Protein backbone atom coordinates (compact mmCIF):
# COMPACT_ATOMS: atom_id res chain seq x y z
CA LEU A 1 311.08 327.76 -4.12
CA GLU A 2 311.76 326.21 -0.70
CA ILE A 3 312.58 322.76 -2.13
CA ARG A 4 314.82 324.37 -4.78
CA ASN A 5 316.88 326.11 -2.12
CA LYS A 6 317.08 322.93 -0.03
CA ILE A 7 318.42 320.96 -3.02
CA ILE A 8 321.04 323.61 -3.85
CA ILE A 9 322.20 323.69 -0.23
CA ARG A 10 322.21 319.88 0.01
CA ASP A 11 324.28 319.66 -3.19
CA ASP A 12 326.68 322.33 -1.87
CA GLY A 13 326.06 324.52 -4.92
CA CYS A 14 327.62 321.87 -7.15
CA ASP A 15 326.50 320.44 -10.46
CA LEU A 16 325.74 316.80 -9.67
CA GLY A 17 325.21 315.99 -13.33
CA ILE A 18 329.00 316.15 -13.77
CA SER A 19 331.85 315.65 -11.30
CA ARG A 20 330.52 318.02 -8.60
CA ARG A 21 331.67 321.19 -10.38
CA LYS A 22 330.65 324.40 -8.59
CA ILE A 23 327.75 326.06 -10.37
CA GLU A 24 328.49 329.59 -11.48
CA GLY A 25 325.36 331.60 -12.10
CA HIS A 26 321.83 330.23 -11.94
CA ALA A 27 321.33 326.67 -10.69
CA TYR A 28 318.77 324.42 -12.37
CA ILE A 29 316.99 321.67 -10.47
CA HIS A 30 316.76 318.47 -12.52
CA HIS A 31 314.42 315.51 -12.00
CA ILE A 32 316.56 312.36 -12.19
CA LYS A 33 313.55 310.25 -13.11
CA PRO A 34 311.51 312.29 -15.61
CA ILE A 35 308.05 313.39 -14.55
CA THR A 36 304.95 313.37 -16.72
CA LYS A 37 302.41 316.06 -17.51
CA GLU A 38 299.83 314.00 -15.60
CA GLN A 39 302.02 313.97 -12.50
CA ILE A 40 302.26 317.74 -12.64
CA LEU A 41 298.52 318.19 -13.17
CA ASN A 42 297.74 315.76 -10.33
CA ARG A 43 300.34 317.33 -8.04
CA ASP A 44 302.05 314.00 -7.52
CA PRO A 45 304.38 314.18 -4.47
CA CYS A 46 307.23 312.71 -6.56
CA ILE A 47 307.59 316.12 -8.20
CA LEU A 48 309.11 317.51 -5.00
CA ASP A 49 310.86 314.35 -3.81
CA PRO A 50 314.44 315.37 -2.88
CA ASN A 51 315.64 311.86 -3.79
CA ASN A 52 314.65 312.58 -7.39
CA LEU A 53 316.19 316.06 -7.62
CA ILE A 54 319.73 317.29 -8.27
CA SER A 55 321.33 320.67 -8.89
CA THR A 56 322.79 321.25 -12.35
CA SER A 57 324.17 324.10 -14.39
CA TYR A 58 322.30 325.41 -17.41
CA LEU A 59 324.63 323.63 -19.85
CA THR A 60 324.43 320.30 -18.02
CA HIS A 61 320.65 320.55 -17.86
CA LYS A 62 320.49 321.17 -21.62
CA ALA A 63 322.93 318.31 -22.30
CA ILE A 64 320.80 315.90 -20.25
CA HIS A 65 317.55 316.88 -21.94
CA TYR A 66 318.91 317.05 -25.46
CA GLY A 67 321.44 314.22 -25.12
CA ASN A 68 324.29 316.38 -26.38
CA LYS A 69 327.59 316.03 -24.49
CA ASP A 70 329.08 318.77 -26.70
CA LEU A 71 327.18 321.32 -24.59
CA LEU A 72 329.34 320.52 -21.56
CA PHE A 73 332.65 322.03 -20.57
CA PRO A 74 335.61 320.54 -22.50
CA ASN A 75 336.93 318.42 -19.60
CA ASP A 76 333.58 316.97 -18.55
CA THR A 77 333.09 313.41 -19.71
CA LYS A 78 330.52 312.02 -17.30
CA LEU A 79 326.84 312.75 -17.75
CA TRP A 80 324.31 311.99 -15.03
């Protein structure tokens, strides 16, 4: 929880997946470089590396993971 809060504060409550739009509602923390199940099980330090984490909105997070730009707001054209 501590790293989550630090990332949200660092990112100024903005969605860094798209043009620094302020996040309204719950913020999601996204791993820029995907992590593996093995890294989670082995508690690899990269999981909590702030250089690999950004704040995103729910819709941006879904768009990144499912590769669907249609989930974004109408004026957003830049993904991650």
